Structures are given as C-alpha cells and as structure tokens.
C-alpha cells in the first residue's frame, strides 16, 4: 500500500493479549517519529508459553488473522507480529502467517523473528550466523528454539533462560535479572568475531536496556525482538532504520536491500 502524502505512515502491530511490555516500548521507540509515523495495536489471546497442545493452539492463524483484519480497518501500511512463537513453531509458521495476512487483508506483513533473521544476515553476511540468546522460557521451549534456528542454518553459541511459562509474568523480570542473563551469555561469546545477542521475548522489558549493554560490552549488537519487528517494518515502508536513535546499534546497520 502506498500511503497518501496527506497522512502519516501507519504501522500495525499484533500483540499477545497478556503482553504488557511491547506496547509501551514500541510507542516510546517510535514517539520521536510522530506525527510522520504512527503505530496501532491489535490483540489476540495468549496467556502461556509452553509446548502443550492448549498453549500451541493459541497461535492458530485464524485468531491472529482476525486481529490483523482489525488493523487493516485502520489502513495501516504494514502489519507486524511482535512475537517470538516461530522460535518454537518453526520459521515457516511466520512465513505462512505473513502470506496469509497479505492474502486476507492486502497489507504486507512481517514478524519479530523474521526481522531478527534479516538483522543477522545484514550483520554477518554470508559467514557463519552465530549468536547468543536470552529468554524467559521453559527448558523444552528453549530447546525447540535452538533446534529451529539450527534447522535454518544458525547456531546459538550461548543462551540463558529463566524456566518461566506465564506470559504476563515475563514483564515482571527486572533489569538486574536481565543483566545477569546478558553477563552469562557474554562470558561465552566474548571470543566471537561478531557478537550478537537476541533478547528473545516481546514481553521482556529489555529493549530500553540495549544501549547500556552495548556500551558495557565492546563490539556487542543486541537484537531485541520488540525492536527487530520495527526495524523490518521501517524497511518495508521505505524508511531508513537509522531514523531511530538511542535504541541500539542495530538501527544503524547499513542494509543491503
């Protein structure tokens, strides 16, 4: 969709219903771009992250598409799924979802996880795509995420997870805990040529911590999944990601396309 010159660009964000972190963070991240660009949100039910049938069924495309249709009512220019479910469902789940959103609404779409993959491609080029991972998730969910990325040609060389499952409680993880997780991962990737760590959960209040970590650990790039979907959406509507200031080095990456 080509936006009329008389109105701002509009980003539409899909939100898990129990997520209390991503909307304030996304709004704060994009606020300096207002009124040239505005952001709008739509929710669908998600309360628990696990590999049980009931937990997995939360990510049925039908429910997500219903929320996407509501965003399309606002004539948004791109729709982003600000969530990490493809980590344990497989990246094909996000690719299929984006295609279905486009088919049903006519609006182009992307996701936090697809955005993360594109960040990694831009940072690492054709070399080995190795990175660290910080999450709040259960052991089996974390294992599934590692397998997903491995199947796509990525290697997670260090990780930290908190063994939690109730989604609304992820936002209660404090900065001190996140700092310890980041320190644990950085100890294990300090000798990597390219140091990338993803804070991989959009209900972690971590995006505002990115610049602190990047200053503390020389050479580090943090790809927070609240930010990766915004990074990708800005590219899709033809904006330079570098217009976002103060949210980490990722936004300063010179992209190839």
C-alpha atoms as a PDB file:
ATOM      1  CA  UNK A   1       0.000   0.000   0.000  1.00  0.00           C
ATOM      2  CA  UNK A   2       1.298   3.464  -0.921  1.00  0.00           C
ATOM      3  CA  UNK A   3       0.287   5.972   1.736  1.00  0.00           C
ATOM      4  CA  UNK A   4      -1.250   9.251   0.600  1.00  0.00           C
ATOM      5  CA  UNK A   5       1.084  12.219   1.094  1.00  0.00           C
ATOM      6  CA  UNK A   6      -1.546  13.895   3.270  1.00  0.00           C
ATOM      7  CA  UNK A   7      -1.342  11.335   6.077  1.00  0.00           C
ATOM      8  CA  UNK A   8       1.364   9.698   8.186  1.00  0.00           C
ATOM      9  CA  UNK A   9       2.721   6.245   7.615  1.00  0.00           C
ATOM     10  CA  UNK A  10       0.893   3.742   9.822  1.00  0.00           C
ATOM     11  CA  UNK A  11       2.418   0.661  11.415  1.00  0.00           C
ATOM     12  CA  UNK A  12       0.078  -2.044  12.718  1.00  0.00           C
ATOM     13  CA  UNK A  13       1.327  -4.321  15.488  1.00  0.00           C
ATOM     14  CA  UNK A  14      -0.150  -7.672  16.545  1.00  0.00           C
ATOM     15  CA  UNK A  15       0.104  -8.170  20.317  1.00  0.00           C
ATOM     16  CA  UNK A  16      -0.342 -11.235  22.578  1.00  0.00           C
ATOM     17  CA  UNK A  17      -3.244 -10.378  24.886  1.00  0.00           C
ATOM     18  CA  UNK A  18      -1.255 -10.815  28.121  1.00  0.00           C
ATOM     19  CA  UNK A  19       1.733  -8.798  26.921  1.00  0.00           C
ATOM     20  CA  UNK A  20       2.223  -5.558  28.885  1.00  0.00           C
ATOM     21  CA  UNK A  21       5.735  -4.649  27.719  1.00  0.00           C
ATOM     22  CA  UNK A  22       5.745  -4.316  23.946  1.00  0.00           C
ATOM     23  CA  UNK A  23       3.151  -1.559  23.524  1.00  0.00           C
ATOM     24  CA  UNK A  24       4.851   0.949  25.884  1.00  0.00           C
ATOM     25  CA  UNK A  25       8.292   0.083  24.475  1.00  0.00           C
ATOM     26  CA  UNK A  26       7.169   0.287  20.847  1.00  0.00           C
ATOM     27  CA  UNK A  27       5.362   3.578  21.459  1.00  0.00           C
ATOM     28  CA  UNK A  28       8.396   5.054  23.205  1.00  0.00           C
ATOM     29  CA  UNK A  29      10.748   3.849  20.472  1.00  0.00           C
ATOM     30  CA  UNK A  30       8.658   5.414  17.709  1.00  0.00           C
ATOM     31  CA  UNK A  31       7.459   8.542  19.528  1.00  0.00           C
ATOM     32  CA  UNK A  32      10.154  10.824  18.040  1.00  0.00           C
ATOM     33  CA  UNK A  33       8.834   9.951  14.561  1.00  0.00           C
ATOM     34  CA  UNK A  34       5.321  11.196  15.350  1.00  0.00           C
ATOM     35  CA  UNK A  35       3.363  12.623  13.521  1.00  0.00           C
ATOM     36  CA  UNK A  36       5.191  11.459  10.393  1.00  0.00           C
ATOM     37  CA  UNK A  37       4.622   7.878  11.524  1.00  0.00           C
ATOM     38  CA  UNK A  38       2.003   6.405  13.870  1.00  0.00           C
ATOM     39  CA  UNK A  39       1.654   2.964  15.462  1.00  0.00           C
ATOM     40  CA  UNK A  40      -1.524   0.989  16.129  1.00  0.00           C
ATOM     41  CA  UNK A  41      -2.150  -2.260  18.027  1.00  0.00           C
ATOM     42  CA  UNK A  42      -4.485  -5.257  17.905  1.00  0.00           C
ATOM     43  CA  UNK A  43      -4.550  -8.202  20.345  1.00  0.00           C
ATOM     44  CA  UNK A  44      -5.351 -11.891  20.255  1.00  0.00           C
ATOM     45  CA  UNK A  45      -5.444 -14.378  23.162  1.00  0.00           C
ATOM     46  CA  UNK A  46      -2.095 -15.624  24.527  1.00  0.00           C
ATOM     47  CA  UNK A  47      -1.542 -16.347  28.231  1.00  0.00           C
ATOM     48  CA  UNK A  48       1.014 -19.172  28.476  1.00  0.00           C
ATOM     49  CA  UNK A  49       4.181 -20.166  26.637  1.00  0.00           C
ATOM     50  CA  UNK A  50       4.660 -23.936  26.581  1.00  0.00           C
ATOM     51  CA  UNK A  51       4.652 -26.875  24.193  1.00  0.00           C
ATOM     52  CA  UNK A  52       1.352 -28.317  25.416  1.00  0.00           C
ATOM     53  CA  UNK A  53      -1.452 -28.631  22.841  1.00  0.00           C
ATOM     54  CA  UNK A  54      -3.500 -25.898  24.535  1.00  0.00           C
ATOM     55  CA  UNK A  55      -0.561 -23.483  24.613  1.00  0.00           C
ATOM     56  CA  UNK A  56       0.380 -24.164  20.996  1.00  0.00           C
ATOM     57  CA  UNK A  57      -3.221 -23.679  19.860  1.00  0.00           C
ATOM     58  CA  UNK A  58      -3.035 -20.032  20.948  1.00  0.00           C
ATOM     59  CA  UNK A  59      -1.031 -19.351  17.805  1.00  0.00           C
ATOM     60  CA  UNK A  60      -3.617 -20.717  15.404  1.00  0.00           C
ATOM     61  CA  UNK A  61      -3.533 -18.461  12.348  1.00  0.00           C
ATOM     62  CA  UNK A  62      -7.297 -17.904  12.479  1.00  0.00           C
ATOM     63  CA  UNK A  63      -7.093 -15.916  15.716  1.00  0.00           C
ATOM     64  CA  UNK A  64      -4.123 -13.890  14.550  1.00  0.00           C
ATOM     65  CA  UNK A  65      -5.770 -13.143  11.207  1.00  0.00           C
ATOM     66  CA  UNK A  66      -8.862 -11.804  12.955  1.00  0.00           C
ATOM     67  CA  UNK A  67      -6.654  -9.325  14.813  1.00  0.00           C
ATOM     68  CA  UNK A  68      -4.850  -8.441  11.573  1.00  0.00           C
ATOM     69  CA  UNK A  69      -8.156  -7.665   9.851  1.00  0.00           C
ATOM     70  CA  UNK A  70      -8.904  -5.103  12.573  1.00  0.00           C
ATOM     71  CA  UNK A  71      -5.567  -3.414  11.892  1.00  0.00           C
ATOM     72  CA  UNK A  72      -6.346  -3.375   8.183  1.00  0.00           C
ATOM     73  CA  UNK A  73      -9.507  -1.410   9.027  1.00  0.00           C
ATOM     74  CA  UNK A  74      -7.154   1.403  10.085  1.00  0.00           C
ATOM     75  CA  UNK A  75      -5.486   1.366   6.642  1.00  0.00           C
ATOM     76  CA  UNK A  76      -2.082   0.527   8.074  1.00  0.00           C
ATOM     77  CA  UNK A  77       0.811   0.307   5.621  1.00  0.00           C
ATOM     78  CA  UNK A  78       2.423  -2.783   7.125  1.00  0.00           C
ATOM     79  CA  UNK A  79       1.467  -5.309   9.805  1.00  0.00           C
ATOM     80  CA  UNK A  80       3.993  -6.761  12.222  1.00  0.00           C
ATOM     81  CA  UNK A  81       3.554  -9.755  14.517  1.00  0.00           C
ATOM     82  CA  UNK A  82       5.504  -8.641  17.607  1.00  0.00           C
ATOM     83  CA  UNK A  83       6.048 -12.117  18.989  1.00  0.00           C
ATOM     84  CA  UNK A  84       8.527 -14.970  19.004  1.00  0.00           C
ATOM     85  CA  UNK A  85       6.327 -18.051  18.551  1.00  0.00           C
ATOM     86  CA  UNK A  86       8.177 -19.026  15.361  1.00  0.00           C
ATOM     87  CA  UNK A  87      11.090 -19.800  17.648  1.00  0.00           C
ATOM     88  CA  UNK A  88       9.380 -22.991  18.780  1.00  0.00           C
ATOM     89  CA  UNK A  89       6.846 -23.432  15.961  1.00  0.00           C
ATOM     90  CA  UNK A  90       9.450 -23.070  13.181  1.00  0.00           C
ATOM     91  CA  UNK A  91      10.160 -20.118  10.909  1.00  0.00           C
ATOM     92  CA  UNK A  92       7.814 -21.500   8.284  1.00  0.00           C
ATOM     93  CA  UNK A  93       4.936 -20.668  10.647  1.00  0.00           C
ATOM     94  CA  UNK A  94       5.802 -16.970  10.389  1.00  0.00           C
ATOM     95  CA  UNK A  95       6.378 -17.107   6.641  1.00  0.00           C
ATOM     96  CA  UNK A  96       2.975 -18.731   6.196  1.00  0.00           C
ATOM     97  CA  UNK A  97       1.316 -16.226   8.547  1.00  0.00           C
ATOM     98  CA  UNK A  98       2.709 -13.252   6.630  1.00  0.00           C
ATOM     99  CA  UNK A  99       1.487 -14.700   3.346  1.00  0.00           C
ATOM    100  CA  UNK A 100      -1.985 -15.260   4.802  1.00  0.00           C
ATOM    101  CA  UNK A 101      -2.162 -11.746   6.246  1.00  0.00           C
ATOM    102  CA  UNK A 102      -1.286 -10.346   2.821  1.00  0.00           C
ATOM    103  CA  UNK A 103      -3.860 -12.596   1.153  1.00  0.00           C
ATOM    104  CA  UNK A 104      -6.679 -11.710   3.576  1.00  0.00           C
ATOM    105  CA  UNK A 105      -6.001  -8.000   4.154  1.00  0.00           C
ATOM    106  CA  UNK A 106      -3.915  -6.884   1.200  1.00  0.00           C
ATOM    107  CA  UNK A 107      -1.335  -5.494   3.642  1.00  0.00           C
ATOM    108  CA  UNK A 108       2.311  -6.588   3.651  1.00  0.00           C
ATOM    109  CA  UNK A 109       3.449  -8.239   6.876  1.00  0.00           C
ATOM    110  CA  UNK A 110       6.472  -9.351   8.841  1.00  0.00           C
ATOM    111  CA  UNK A 111       7.373 -10.619  12.323  1.00  0.00           C
ATOM    112  CA  UNK A 112       9.891 -10.185  15.126  1.00  0.00           C
ATOM    113  CA  UNK A 113      11.616 -13.460  14.255  1.00  0.00           C
ATOM    114  CA  UNK A 114      11.841 -12.829  10.525  1.00  0.00           C
ATOM    115  CA  UNK A 115      13.178  -9.378  11.334  1.00  0.00           C
ATOM    116  CA  UNK A 116      15.796 -10.937  13.622  1.00  0.00           C
ATOM    117  CA  UNK A 117      16.910 -13.278  10.847  1.00  0.00           C
ATOM    118  CA  UNK A 118      17.302 -10.363   8.459  1.00  0.00           C
ATOM    119  CA  UNK A 119      19.315  -8.429  11.053  1.00  0.00           C
ATOM    120  CA  UNK A 120      21.634 -11.413  11.426  1.00  0.00           C
ATOM    121  CA  UNK A 121      22.004 -11.660   7.644  1.00  0.00           C
ATOM    122  CA  UNK A 122      22.911  -7.992   7.391  1.00  0.00           C
ATOM    123  CA  UNK A 123      25.417  -8.138  10.259  1.00  0.00           C
ATOM    124  CA  UNK A 124      27.076 -11.424   9.336  1.00  0.00           C
ATOM    125  CA  UNK A 125      26.661 -11.568   5.585  1.00  0.00           C
ATOM    126  CA  UNK A 126      27.465 -14.945   4.083  1.00  0.00           C
ATOM    127  CA  UNK A 127      29.591 -16.005   7.042  1.00  0.00           C
ATOM    128  CA  UNK A 128      28.641 -18.204   9.948  1.00  0.00           C
ATOM    129  CA  UNK A 129      25.471 -16.914  11.591  1.00  0.00           C
ATOM    130  CA  UNK A 130      26.207 -17.412  15.269  1.00  0.00           C
ATOM    131  CA  UNK A 131      24.546 -15.541  18.107  1.00  0.00           C
ATOM    132  CA  UNK A 132      23.565 -15.614  21.764  1.00  0.00           C
ATOM    133  CA  UNK A 133      20.065 -15.873  23.186  1.00  0.00           C
ATOM    134  CA  UNK A 134      18.358 -14.514  26.326  1.00  0.00           C
ATOM    135  CA  UNK A 135      14.772 -15.648  27.079  1.00  0.00           C
ATOM    136  CA  UNK A 136      12.392 -16.275  29.993  1.00  0.00           C
ATOM    137  CA  UNK A 137      11.227 -19.650  28.655  1.00  0.00           C
ATOM    138  CA  UNK A 138      10.955 -23.254  29.861  1.00  0.00           C
ATOM    139  CA  UNK A 139      13.676 -25.823  29.126  1.00  0.00           C
ATOM    140  CA  UNK A 140      11.730 -27.585  26.380  1.00  0.00           C
ATOM    141  CA  UNK A 141      10.684 -24.322  24.725  1.00  0.00           C
ATOM    142  CA  UNK A 142      14.306 -23.156  24.759  1.00  0.00           C
ATOM    143  CA  UNK A 143      15.440 -26.456  23.257  1.00  0.00           C
ATOM    144  CA  UNK A 144      12.846 -26.082  20.497  1.00  0.00           C
ATOM    145  CA  UNK A 145      14.123 -22.584  19.708  1.00  0.00           C
ATOM    146  CA  UNK A 146      17.691 -23.856  19.407  1.00  0.00           C
ATOM    147  CA  UNK A 147      16.527 -26.605  17.040  1.00  0.00           C
ATOM    148  CA  UNK A 148      14.521 -24.146  14.924  1.00  0.00           C
ATOM    149  CA  UNK A 149      17.484 -21.875  14.332  1.00  0.00           C
ATOM    150  CA  UNK A 150      19.810 -24.791  13.729  1.00  0.00           C
ATOM    151  CA  UNK A 151      17.489 -26.096  11.013  1.00  0.00           C
ATOM    152  CA  UNK A 152      17.646 -22.662   9.352  1.00  0.00           C
ATOM    153  CA  UNK A 153      21.448 -22.540   9.344  1.00  0.00           C
ATOM    154  CA  UNK A 154      22.028 -20.519  12.506  1.00  0.00           C
ATOM    155  CA  UNK A 155      23.998 -21.531  15.577  1.00  0.00           C
ATOM    156  CA  UNK A 156      23.120 -20.332  19.056  1.00  0.00           C
ATOM    157  CA  UNK A 157      26.502 -20.399  20.744  1.00  0.00           C
ATOM    158  CA  UNK A 158      25.364 -19.312  24.218  1.00  0.00           C
ATOM    159  CA  UNK A 159      21.998 -18.988  25.915  1.00  0.00           C
ATOM    160  CA  UNK A 160      20.247 -18.140  29.168  1.00  0.00           C
ATOM    161  CA  UNK A 161      16.627 -18.842  30.081  1.00  0.00           C
ATOM    162  CA  UNK A 162      14.511 -18.451  33.236  1.00  0.00           C
ATOM    163  CA  UNK A 163      12.223 -21.522  33.065  1.00  0.00           C
ATOM    164  CA  UNK A 164       9.015 -19.483  33.227  1.00  0.00           C
ATOM    165  CA  UNK A 165       5.735 -20.107  31.436  1.00  0.00           C
ATOM    166  CA  UNK A 166       3.078 -17.494  32.422  1.00  0.00           C
ATOM    167  CA  UNK A 167       3.290 -14.812  29.776  1.00  0.00           C
ATOM    168  CA  UNK A 168       2.026 -11.862  31.823  1.00  0.00           C
ATOM    169  CA  UNK A 169       4.760 -12.534  34.399  1.00  0.00           C
ATOM    170  CA  UNK A 170       7.572 -12.183  31.858  1.00  0.00           C
ATOM    171  CA  UNK A 171       7.185  -8.399  32.090  1.00  0.00           C
ATOM    172  CA  UNK A 172       7.998  -8.626  35.813  1.00  0.00           C
ATOM    173  CA  UNK A 173      11.563  -9.780  35.102  1.00  0.00           C
ATOM    174  CA  UNK A 174      13.697  -6.924  36.438  1.00  0.00           C
ATOM    175  CA  UNK A 175      16.721  -5.309  34.858  1.00  0.00           C
ATOM    176  CA  UNK A 176      19.087  -6.904  37.375  1.00  0.00           C
ATOM    177  CA  UNK A 177      17.965 -10.364  36.247  1.00  0.00           C
ATOM    178  CA  UNK A 178      18.328  -9.426  32.599  1.00  0.00           C
ATOM    179  CA  UNK A 179      21.783  -8.003  33.315  1.00  0.00           C
ATOM    180  CA  UNK A 180      22.830 -11.324  34.863  1.00  0.00           C
ATOM    181  CA  UNK A 181      21.500 -13.236  31.874  1.00  0.00           C
ATOM    182  CA  UNK A 182      23.372 -10.979  29.472  1.00  0.00           C
ATOM    183  CA  UNK A 183      26.575 -11.340  31.501  1.00  0.00           C
ATOM    184  CA  UNK A 184      26.218 -15.140  31.436  1.00  0.00           C
ATOM    185  CA  UNK A 185      25.850 -15.149  27.638  1.00  0.00           C
ATOM    186  CA  UNK A 186      28.614 -12.612  27.024  1.00  0.00           C
ATOM    187  CA  UNK A 187      31.094 -14.678  29.022  1.00  0.00           C
ATOM    188  CA  UNK A 188      30.566 -17.444  26.482  1.00  0.00           C
ATOM    189  CA  UNK A 189      30.681 -15.383  23.283  1.00  0.00           C
ATOM    190  CA  UNK A 190      33.430 -12.909  24.181  1.00  0.00           C
ATOM    191  CA  UNK A 191      35.806 -14.507  21.677  1.00  0.00           C
ATOM    192  CA  UNK A 192      33.341 -14.431  18.773  1.00  0.00           C
ATOM    193  CA  UNK A 193      34.358 -12.227  15.840  1.00  0.00           C
ATOM    194  CA  UNK A 194      30.839 -10.794  15.651  1.00  0.00           C
ATOM    195  CA  UNK A 195      28.959 -10.521  18.941  1.00  0.00           C
ATOM    196  CA  UNK A 196      25.173 -10.535  18.547  1.00  0.00           C
ATOM    197  CA  UNK A 197      22.748 -11.406  21.333  1.00  0.00           C
ATOM    198  CA  UNK A 198      18.967 -11.513  20.934  1.00  0.00           C
ATOM    199  CA  UNK A 199      16.700 -10.760  23.880  1.00  0.00           C
ATOM    200  CA  UNK A 200      14.054 -13.077  22.532  1.00  0.00           C
ATOM    201  CA  UNK A 201      10.619 -12.371  24.015  1.00  0.00           C
ATOM    202  CA  UNK A 202       8.464  -9.325  23.357  1.00  0.00           C
ATOM    203  CA  UNK A 203       7.105  -9.311  26.921  1.00  0.00           C
ATOM    204  CA  UNK A 204      10.572  -8.801  28.400  1.00  0.00           C
ATOM    205  CA  UNK A 205      11.220  -5.179  29.325  1.00  0.00           C
ATOM    206  CA  UNK A 206      14.642  -5.309  27.723  1.00  0.00           C
ATOM    207  CA  UNK A 207      14.656  -3.027  24.666  1.00  0.00           C
ATOM    208  CA  UNK A 208      15.358   0.012  26.833  1.00  0.00           C
ATOM    209  CA  UNK A 209      18.460  -1.764  28.195  1.00  0.00           C
ATOM    210  CA  UNK A 210      20.106  -2.371  24.835  1.00  0.00           C
ATOM    211  CA  UNK A 211      22.295   0.737  24.732  1.00  0.00           C
ATOM    212  CA  UNK A 212      23.546   0.048  28.274  1.00  0.00           C
ATOM    213  CA  UNK A 213      24.663  -3.471  27.322  1.00  0.00           C
ATOM    214  CA  UNK A 214      26.246  -2.348  24.064  1.00  0.00           C
ATOM    215  CA  UNK A 215      28.269   0.250  25.930  1.00  0.00           C
ATOM    216  CA  UNK A 216      29.326  -2.240  28.595  1.00  0.00           C
ATOM    217  CA  UNK A 217      30.390  -4.986  26.168  1.00  0.00           C
ATOM    218  CA  UNK A 218      32.563  -3.650  23.306  1.00  0.00           C
ATOM    219  CA  UNK A 219      31.524  -4.864  19.877  1.00  0.00           C
ATOM    220  CA  UNK A 220      28.143  -6.185  21.029  1.00  0.00           C
ATOM    221  CA  UNK A 221      24.982  -5.736  18.952  1.00  0.00           C
ATOM    222  CA  UNK A 222      21.744  -6.562  20.782  1.00  0.00           C
ATOM    223  CA  UNK A 223      18.764  -7.581  18.635  1.00  0.00           C
ATOM    224  CA  UNK A 224      15.748  -7.216  20.909  1.00  0.00           C
ATOM    225  CA  UNK A 225      12.623  -8.760  19.402  1.00  0.00           C
ATOM    226  CA  UNK A 226      10.400  -5.758  20.213  1.00  0.00           C
ATOM    227  CA  UNK A 227      12.836  -3.762  18.079  1.00  0.00           C
ATOM    228  CA  UNK A 228      13.525  -6.280  15.286  1.00  0.00           C
ATOM    229  CA  UNK A 229       9.950  -6.168  14.012  1.00  0.00           C
ATOM    230  CA  UNK A 230      10.071  -2.346  13.977  1.00  0.00           C
ATOM    231  CA  UNK A 231      13.436  -2.438  12.185  1.00  0.00           C
ATOM    232  CA  UNK A 232      11.928  -4.653   9.486  1.00  0.00           C
ATOM    233  CA  UNK A 233       8.685  -2.672   9.184  1.00  0.00           C
ATOM    234  CA  UNK A 234      10.556   0.588   8.683  1.00  0.00           C
ATOM    235  CA  UNK A 235      12.500  -1.001   5.828  1.00  0.00           C
ATOM    236  CA  UNK A 236       9.290  -2.306   4.266  1.00  0.00           C
ATOM    237  CA  UNK A 237       7.718   1.162   4.143  1.00  0.00           C
ATOM    238  CA  UNK A 238      10.882   2.628   2.632  1.00  0.00           C
ATOM    239  CA  UNK A 239      12.336   4.410   5.665  1.00  0.00           C
ATOM    240  CA  UNK A 240      15.940   4.345   6.845  1.00  0.00           C
ATOM    241  CA  UNK A 241      16.195   2.427  10.111  1.00  0.00           C
ATOM    242  CA  UNK A 242      18.782   4.949  11.296  1.00  0.00           C
ATOM    243  CA  UNK A 243      15.981   7.439  11.963  1.00  0.00           C
ATOM    244  CA  UNK A 244      15.525   5.566  15.264  1.00  0.00           C
ATOM    245  CA  UNK A 245      18.018   6.926  17.787  1.00  0.00           C
ATOM    246  CA  UNK A 246      19.007   5.669  21.224  1.00  0.00           C
ATOM    247  CA  UNK A 247      17.745   2.102  20.906  1.00  0.00           C
ATOM    248  CA  UNK A 248      20.936   0.332  19.905  1.00  0.00           C
ATOM    249  CA  UNK A 249      23.404  -0.223  17.089  1.00  0.00           C
ATOM    250  CA  UNK A 250      21.003  -2.448  15.167  1.00  0.00           C
ATOM    251  CA  UNK A 251      19.187   0.598  13.808  1.00  0.00           C
ATOM    252  CA  UNK A 252      22.445   1.985  12.391  1.00  0.00           C
ATOM    253  CA  UNK A 253      23.174  -1.084  10.259  1.00  0.00           C
ATOM    254  CA  UNK A 254      23.638  -0.174   6.596  1.00  0.00           C
ATOM    255  CA  UNK A 255      21.274  -2.583   4.894  1.00  0.00           C
ATOM    256  CA  UNK A 256      21.861  -4.132   1.502  1.00  0.00           C
ATOM    257  CA  UNK A 257      18.234  -4.006   0.376  1.00  0.00           C
END
